[in-house]
Amino acid sequence: GFYEAADYDINWVLLNAVLEAGSQDALDVIPLIPTISNNMYGASGWCKLNDDDDRDIINYDVWGIDYVDGVPKFVRYGVFDGASGKVSWDTSLVTP
């Protein structure tokens, strides 16, 4: 899933930062992370960071809980598109 891919990617970013810094000291490694991330396309997509050091352009699933056959289940209601800033809703789930 996405979280596993993101974990994989940050490990590669950190590994490259340690190798580039020639050090495991956080004060040497942390300043390199934005540049390395911005130039890396990993398993979870482009790793570019915004000014708050969050992923810049990324899609997010919009989840909720609904009853499926009488049992509460997590249901994906839509997707937020980070490039456009818009949500695409699954209208079969969100309209009465």
C-alpha atoms as a PDB file:
ATOM      1  CA  GLY A   1       0.000   0.000   0.000  1.00  0.00           C
ATOM      2  CA  PHE A   2       0.860   3.659   0.036  1.00  0.00           C
ATOM      3  CA  TYR A   3       2.275   3.752   3.557  1.00  0.00           C
ATOM      4  CA  GLU A   4       4.680   0.917   2.846  1.00  0.00           C
ATOM      5  CA  ALA A   5       5.793   2.664  -0.355  1.00  0.00           C
ATOM      6  CA  ALA A   6       6.261   5.964   1.514  1.00  0.00           C
ATOM      7  CA  ASP A   7       8.289   4.183   4.217  1.00  0.00           C
ATOM      8  CA  TYR A   8      10.445   2.625   1.506  1.00  0.00           C
ATOM      9  CA  ASP A   9      10.986   6.013  -0.129  1.00  0.00           C
ATOM     10  CA  ILE A  10      11.951   7.882   3.043  1.00  0.00           C
ATOM     11  CA  ASN A  11      14.476   5.174   3.833  1.00  0.00           C
ATOM     12  CA  TRP A  12      16.093   5.751   0.439  1.00  0.00           C
ATOM     13  CA  VAL A  13      16.040   9.526   0.975  1.00  0.00           C
ATOM     14  CA  LEU A  14      17.714   9.117   4.369  1.00  0.00           C
ATOM     15  CA  LEU A  15      20.262   6.626   3.034  1.00  0.00           C
ATOM     16  CA  ASN A  16      21.221   9.004   0.230  1.00  0.00           C
ATOM     17  CA  ALA A  17      21.429  11.924   2.671  1.00  0.00           C
ATOM     18  CA  VAL A  18      23.737   9.950   4.985  1.00  0.00           C
ATOM     19  CA  LEU A  19      25.929   8.929   2.051  1.00  0.00           C
ATOM     20  CA  GLU A  20      26.053  12.478   0.667  1.00  0.00           C
ATOM     21  CA  ALA A  21      26.786  13.975   4.101  1.00  0.00           C
ATOM     22  CA  GLY A  22      29.375  11.329   4.896  1.00  0.00           C
ATOM     23  CA  SER A  23      27.877  11.376   8.381  1.00  0.00           C
ATOM     24  CA  GLN A  24      25.016   9.950  10.423  1.00  0.00           C
ATOM     25  CA  ASP A  25      24.730  13.145  12.469  1.00  0.00           C
ATOM     26  CA  ALA A  26      21.244  14.644  12.114  1.00  0.00           C
ATOM     27  CA  LEU A  27      22.684  18.166  11.834  1.00  0.00           C
ATOM     28  CA  ASP A  28      24.583  17.052   8.731  1.00  0.00           C
ATOM     29  CA  VAL A  29      21.798  14.917   7.223  1.00  0.00           C
ATOM     30  CA  ILE A  30      18.620  16.990   7.733  1.00  0.00           C
ATOM     31  CA  PRO A  31      19.625  19.956   5.518  1.00  0.00           C
ATOM     32  CA  LEU A  32      20.130  17.567   2.573  1.00  0.00           C
ATOM     33  CA  ILE A  33      16.681  15.935   2.766  1.00  0.00           C
ATOM     34  CA  PRO A  34      14.691  18.574   0.791  1.00  0.00           C
ATOM     35  CA  THR A  35      17.084  18.572  -2.170  1.00  0.00           C
ATOM     36  CA  ILE A  36      17.315  14.786  -2.285  1.00  0.00           C
ATOM     37  CA  SER A  37      13.529  14.406  -1.927  1.00  0.00           C
ATOM     38  CA  ASN A  38      12.805  16.991  -4.621  1.00  0.00           C
ATOM     39  CA  ASN A  39      14.963  15.047  -7.073  1.00  0.00           C
ATOM     40  CA  MET A  40      13.589  11.597  -6.256  1.00  0.00           C
ATOM     41  CA  TYR A  41      10.711   9.707  -7.806  1.00  0.00           C
ATOM     42  CA  GLY A  42      10.115   6.719  -5.562  1.00  0.00           C
ATOM     43  CA  ALA A  43       7.712   3.841  -5.119  1.00  0.00           C
ATOM     44  CA  SER A  44       5.045   6.222  -3.758  1.00  0.00           C
ATOM     45  CA  GLY A  45       5.533   8.842  -6.476  1.00  0.00           C
ATOM     46  CA  TRP A  46       7.443  12.107  -6.632  1.00  0.00           C
ATOM     47  CA  CYS A  47       8.951  12.774  -3.201  1.00  0.00           C
ATOM     48  CA  LYS A  48       9.129  16.567  -3.629  1.00  0.00           C
ATOM     49  CA  LEU A  49       8.481  18.483  -0.395  1.00  0.00           C
ATOM     50  CA  ASN A  50       6.623  21.772   0.033  1.00  0.00           C
ATOM     51  CA  ASP A  51       7.695  24.691   2.245  1.00  0.00           C
ATOM     52  CA  ASP A  52       6.335  22.876   5.314  1.00  0.00           C
ATOM     53  CA  ASP A  53       8.374  19.743   4.464  1.00  0.00           C
ATOM     54  CA  ASP A  54       5.217  17.774   3.614  1.00  0.00           C
ATOM     55  CA  ARG A  55       4.796  15.933   0.330  1.00  0.00           C
ATOM     56  CA  ASP A  56       4.097  18.621  -2.260  1.00  0.00           C
ATOM     57  CA  ILE A  57       1.848  17.046  -4.870  1.00  0.00           C
ATOM     58  CA  ILE A  58       0.187  13.875  -3.769  1.00  0.00           C
ATOM     59  CA  ASN A  59      -3.184  12.210  -4.012  1.00  0.00           C
ATOM     60  CA  TYR A  60      -5.087  11.251  -0.867  1.00  0.00           C
ATOM     61  CA  ASP A  61      -7.986   8.858  -0.506  1.00  0.00           C
ATOM     62  CA  VAL A  62     -11.020  10.218   1.345  1.00  0.00           C
ATOM     63  CA  TRP A  63     -12.318   7.474   3.626  1.00  0.00           C
ATOM     64  CA  GLY A  64     -15.319   7.125   5.875  1.00  0.00           C
ATOM     65  CA  ILE A  65     -17.271   4.439   7.650  1.00  0.00           C
ATOM     66  CA  ASP A  66     -20.446   3.018   6.142  1.00  0.00           C
ATOM     67  CA  TYR A  67     -22.535  -0.059   6.731  1.00  0.00           C
ATOM     68  CA  VAL A  68     -21.976  -2.811   4.175  1.00  0.00           C
ATOM     69  CA  ASP A  69     -24.377  -5.723   4.605  1.00  0.00           C
ATOM     70  CA  GLY A  70     -25.144  -4.441   8.112  1.00  0.00           C
ATOM     71  CA  VAL A  71     -21.491  -4.341   9.175  1.00  0.00           C
ATOM     72  CA  PRO A  72     -19.513  -1.091   9.619  1.00  0.00           C
ATOM     73  CA  LYS A  73     -16.659  -0.977   7.095  1.00  0.00           C
ATOM     74  CA  PHE A  74     -14.135   1.568   5.901  1.00  0.00           C
ATOM     75  CA  VAL A  75     -15.233   2.866   2.502  1.00  0.00           C
ATOM     76  CA  ARG A  76     -13.297   5.063   0.082  1.00  0.00           C
ATOM     77  CA  TYR A  77     -15.606   7.935  -0.833  1.00  0.00           C
ATOM     78  CA  GLY A  78     -13.264   9.847  -3.091  1.00  0.00           C
ATOM     79  CA  VAL A  79      -9.764  10.962  -3.998  1.00  0.00           C
ATOM     80  CA  PHE A  80      -8.109  14.335  -3.415  1.00  0.00           C
ATOM     81  CA  ASP A  81      -5.884  15.248  -6.380  1.00  0.00           C
ATOM     82  CA  GLY A  82      -2.897  17.209  -5.094  1.00  0.00           C
ATOM     83  CA  ALA A  83      -2.088  18.657  -8.516  1.00  0.00           C
ATOM     84  CA  SER A  84      -5.537  20.161  -9.110  1.00  0.00           C
ATOM     85  CA  GLY A  85      -6.595  20.645  -5.490  1.00  0.00           C
ATOM     86  CA  LYS A  86      -9.934  18.977  -6.242  1.00  0.00           C
ATOM     87  CA  VAL A  87     -11.760  15.972  -4.844  1.00  0.00           C
ATOM     88  CA  SER A  88     -13.310  13.369  -7.146  1.00  0.00           C
ATOM     89  CA  TRP A  89     -16.205  11.768  -5.279  1.00  0.00           C
ATOM     90  CA  ASP A  90     -17.608   8.310  -5.893  1.00  0.00           C
ATOM     91  CA  THR A  91     -21.115   9.583  -6.570  1.00  0.00           C
ATOM     92  CA  SER A  92     -22.630   6.131  -6.161  1.00  0.00           C
ATOM     93  CA  LEU A  93     -21.580   6.289  -2.493  1.00  0.00           C
ATOM     94  CA  VAL A  94     -22.122   9.947  -1.587  1.00  0.00           C
ATOM     95  CA  THR A  95     -25.471  10.686  -3.241  1.00  0.00           C
ATOM     96  CA  PRO A  96     -28.777   9.481  -1.791  1.00  0.00           C
END
